[in-house]
C-alpha atoms as a PDB file:
ATOM      1  CA  MET A   1      31.824 182.320  97.651  1.00  0.00           C
ATOM      2  CA  CYS A   2      28.224 181.134  97.807  1.00  0.00           C
ATOM      3  CA  ARG A   3      27.116 184.502  99.182  1.00  0.00           C
ATOM      4  CA  SER A   4      28.492 186.354  96.157  1.00  0.00           C
ATOM      5  CA  TYR A   5      26.502 184.064  93.837  1.00  0.00           C
ATOM      6  CA  LEU A   6      23.353 184.853  95.786  1.00  0.00           C
ATOM      7  CA  ILE A   7      23.958 188.588  95.477  1.00  0.00           C
ATOM      8  CA  VAL A   8      24.562 188.281  91.725  1.00  0.00           C
ATOM      9  CA  PHE A   9      21.406 186.175  91.378  1.00  0.00           C
ATOM     10  CA  LEU A  10      19.303 188.744  93.242  1.00  0.00           C
ATOM     11  CA  ILE A  11      20.664 191.583  91.116  1.00  0.00           C
ATOM     12  CA  MET A  12      19.916 189.623  87.947  1.00  0.00           C
ATOM     13  CA  CYS A  13      16.360 188.989  89.140  1.00  0.00           C
ATOM     14  CA  LEU A  14      15.809 192.688  89.787  1.00  0.00           C
ATOM     15  CA  VAL A  15      17.224 193.642  86.396  1.00  0.00           C
ATOM     16  CA  ALA A  16      15.120 191.001  84.641  1.00  0.00           C
ATOM     17  CA  THR A  17      11.998 192.264  86.388  1.00  0.00           C
ATOM     18  CA  GLY A  18      12.743 195.806  85.309  1.00  0.00           C
ATOM     19  CA  LEU A  19      13.400 194.823  81.709  1.00  0.00           C
ATOM     20  CA  ILE A  20      10.149 192.982  81.156  1.00  0.00           C
ATOM     21  CA  GLY A  21       7.892 195.388  83.055  1.00  0.00           C
ATOM     22  CA  CYS A  22       6.676 193.985  86.353  1.00  0.00           C
ATOM     23  CA  GLY A  23       2.898 193.487  86.493  1.00  0.00           C
ATOM     24  CA  THR A  24       2.747 194.464  90.154  1.00  0.00           C
ATOM     25  CA  VAL A  25       4.454 197.787  89.523  1.00  0.00           C
ATOM     26  CA  ARG A  26       2.120 198.448  86.590  1.00  0.00           C
ATOM     27  CA  THR A  27      -1.013 197.879  88.669  1.00  0.00           C
ATOM     28  CA  MET A  28       0.050 199.921  91.702  1.00  0.00           C
ATOM     29  CA  PRO A  29      -1.253 203.300  90.424  1.00  0.00           C
ATOM     30  CA  SER A  30      -4.727 201.853  89.837  1.00  0.00           C
ATOM     31  CA  MET A  31      -4.888 200.289  93.324  1.00  0.00           C
ATOM     32  CA  GLY A  32      -6.115 203.577  94.771  1.00  0.00           C
ATOM     33  CA  SER A  33      -9.348 203.543  92.809  1.00  0.00           C
ATOM     34  CA  TYR A  34     -12.407 201.941  94.347  1.00  0.00           C
ATOM     35  CA  GLY A  35     -13.224 198.480  93.041  1.00  0.00           C
ATOM     36  CA  SER A  36      -9.900 197.886  91.320  1.00  0.00           C
ATOM     37  CA  PRO A  37      -8.117 194.565  91.922  1.00  0.00           C
ATOM     38  CA  LYS A  38      -5.709 194.933  94.819  1.00  0.00           C
ATOM     39  CA  MET A  39      -4.653 191.604  96.296  1.00  0.00           C
ATOM     40  CA  MET A  40      -2.072 189.809  94.121  1.00  0.00           C
ATOM     41  CA  SER A  41      -2.936 192.223  91.318  1.00  0.00           C
ATOM     42  CA  GLY A  42       0.334 191.860  89.413  1.00  0.00           C
ATOM     43  CA  SER A  43       0.087 188.083  89.416  1.00  0.00           C
ATOM     44  CA  ARG A  44      -3.510 188.224  88.296  1.00  0.00           C
ATOM     45  CA  LEU A  45      -2.605 190.686  85.533  1.00  0.00           C
ATOM     46  CA  ASP A  46       0.102 188.311  84.286  1.00  0.00           C
ATOM     47  CA  TYR A  47      -2.267 185.346  84.453  1.00  0.00           C
ATOM     48  CA  HIS A  48      -4.965 187.072  82.413  1.00  0.00           C
ATOM     49  CA  ALA A  49      -2.380 188.416  79.951  1.00  0.00           C
ATOM     50  CA  ALA A  50      -1.017 184.900  79.417  1.00  0.00           C
ATOM     51  CA  ARG A  51      -4.558 183.651  78.752  1.00  0.00           C
ATOM     52  CA  GLU A  52      -5.199 186.710  76.540  1.00  0.00           C
ATOM     53  CA  ASP A  53      -8.424 187.403  78.434  1.00  0.00           C
ATOM     54  CA  MET A  54      -9.092 190.998  77.361  1.00  0.00           C
ATOM     55  CA  THR A  55     -12.311 191.312  79.363  1.00  0.00           C
ATOM     56  CA  ALA A  56     -10.483 190.660  82.631  1.00  0.00           C
ATOM     57  CA  LEU A  57      -7.526 192.854  81.635  1.00  0.00           C
ATOM     58  CA  ARG A  58      -9.754 195.933  81.395  1.00  0.00           C
ATOM     59  CA  LYS A  59     -10.366 195.834  85.174  1.00  0.00           C
ATOM     60  CA  PHE A  60      -6.714 196.520  85.932  1.00  0.00           C
ATOM     61  CA  ASN A  61      -6.356 199.866  84.106  1.00  0.00           C
ATOM     62  CA  ALA A  62      -2.780 198.848  83.299  1.00  0.00           C
ATOM     63  CA  GLU A  63      -0.955 197.627  80.255  1.00  0.00           C
ATOM     64  CA  ALA A  64      -0.071 193.946  80.388  1.00  0.00           C
ATOM     65  CA  PRO A  65       3.612 192.949  80.271  1.00  0.00           C
ATOM     66  CA  GLU A  66       4.986 191.727  76.956  1.00  0.00           C
ATOM     67  CA  HIS A  67       6.133 188.428  78.464  1.00  0.00           C
ATOM     68  CA  PRO A  68       3.684 187.592  81.263  1.00  0.00           C
ATOM     69  CA  LEU A  69       4.923 184.050  81.890  1.00  0.00           C
ATOM     70  CA  ILE A  70       8.455 185.302  82.544  1.00  0.00           C
ATOM     71  CA  ASP A  71       7.142 188.062  84.806  1.00  0.00           C
ATOM     72  CA  LEU A  72       4.763 185.826  86.769  1.00  0.00           C
ATOM     73  CA  PRO A  73       7.231 184.458  89.387  1.00  0.00           C
ATOM     74  CA  PHE A  74       8.604 187.932  90.086  1.00  0.00           C
ATOM     75  CA  SER A  75       5.115 189.391  90.410  1.00  0.00           C
ATOM     76  CA  VAL A  76       4.110 186.615  92.812  1.00  0.00           C
ATOM     77  CA  LEU A  77       7.147 187.405  94.953  1.00  0.00           C
ATOM     78  CA  LEU A  78       6.514 191.154  94.991  1.00  0.00           C
ATOM     79  CA  ASP A  79       2.773 190.654  95.564  1.00  0.00           C
ATOM     80  CA  ALA A  80       3.560 188.399  98.525  1.00  0.00           C
ATOM     81  CA  ILE A  81       5.826 191.071 100.000  1.00  0.00           C
ATOM     82  CA  ILE A  82       3.144 193.784  99.795  1.00  0.00           C
ATOM     83  CA  LEU A  83       0.274 191.428 100.689  1.00  0.00           C
ATOM     84  CA  PRO A  84      -0.254 192.836 104.226  1.00  0.00           C
ATOM     85  CA  ILE A  85      -0.805 196.299 102.765  1.00  0.00           C
ATOM     86  CA  THR A  86      -3.108 195.214  99.952  1.00  0.00           C
ATOM     87  CA  PHE A  87      -5.064 192.934 102.278  1.00  0.00           C
ATOM     88  CA  SER A  88      -5.759 195.747 104.734  1.00  0.00           C
ATOM     89  CA  VAL A  89      -6.864 198.106 101.948  1.00  0.00           C
ATOM     90  CA  SER A  90      -9.114 195.433 100.449  1.00  0.00           C
ATOM     91  CA  ALA A  91     -10.614 194.605 103.837  1.00  0.00           C
ATOM     92  CA  TYR A  92     -11.316 198.284 104.536  1.00  0.00           C
ATOM     93  CA  GLU A  93     -12.940 198.642 101.114  1.00  0.00           C
ATOM     94  CA  PHE A  94     -15.061 195.532 101.736  1.00  0.00           C
ATOM     95  CA  VAL A  95     -16.260 196.633 105.188  1.00  0.00           C
ATOM     96  CA  PHE A  96     -16.672 200.354 104.582  1.00  0.00           C
ATOM     97  CA  GLY A  97     -17.416 200.265 100.834  1.00  0.00           C
ATOM     98  CA  LYS A  98     -18.804 203.284  99.054  1.00  0.00           C
END
């Protein structure tokens, strides 16, 4: 019984993330460019969008989500999952920068 509630909760979280436009997914295409924010980029995008800091938002080359405070916990979770990848890319860029 409890397991079925967990599955429903996870599905609802995925649907909610898709409906509001996940910040992490929006910043992934720009991660390949040199100097772009990589580590926890979706969370940082949501944070700057919530503060309406347009200067910082320009660095991301991505459109901010409509509801950044709702998206923030989901972006933190997804950013934490892909953190080993983004950390290694950022470290390589730092050591062997252009």
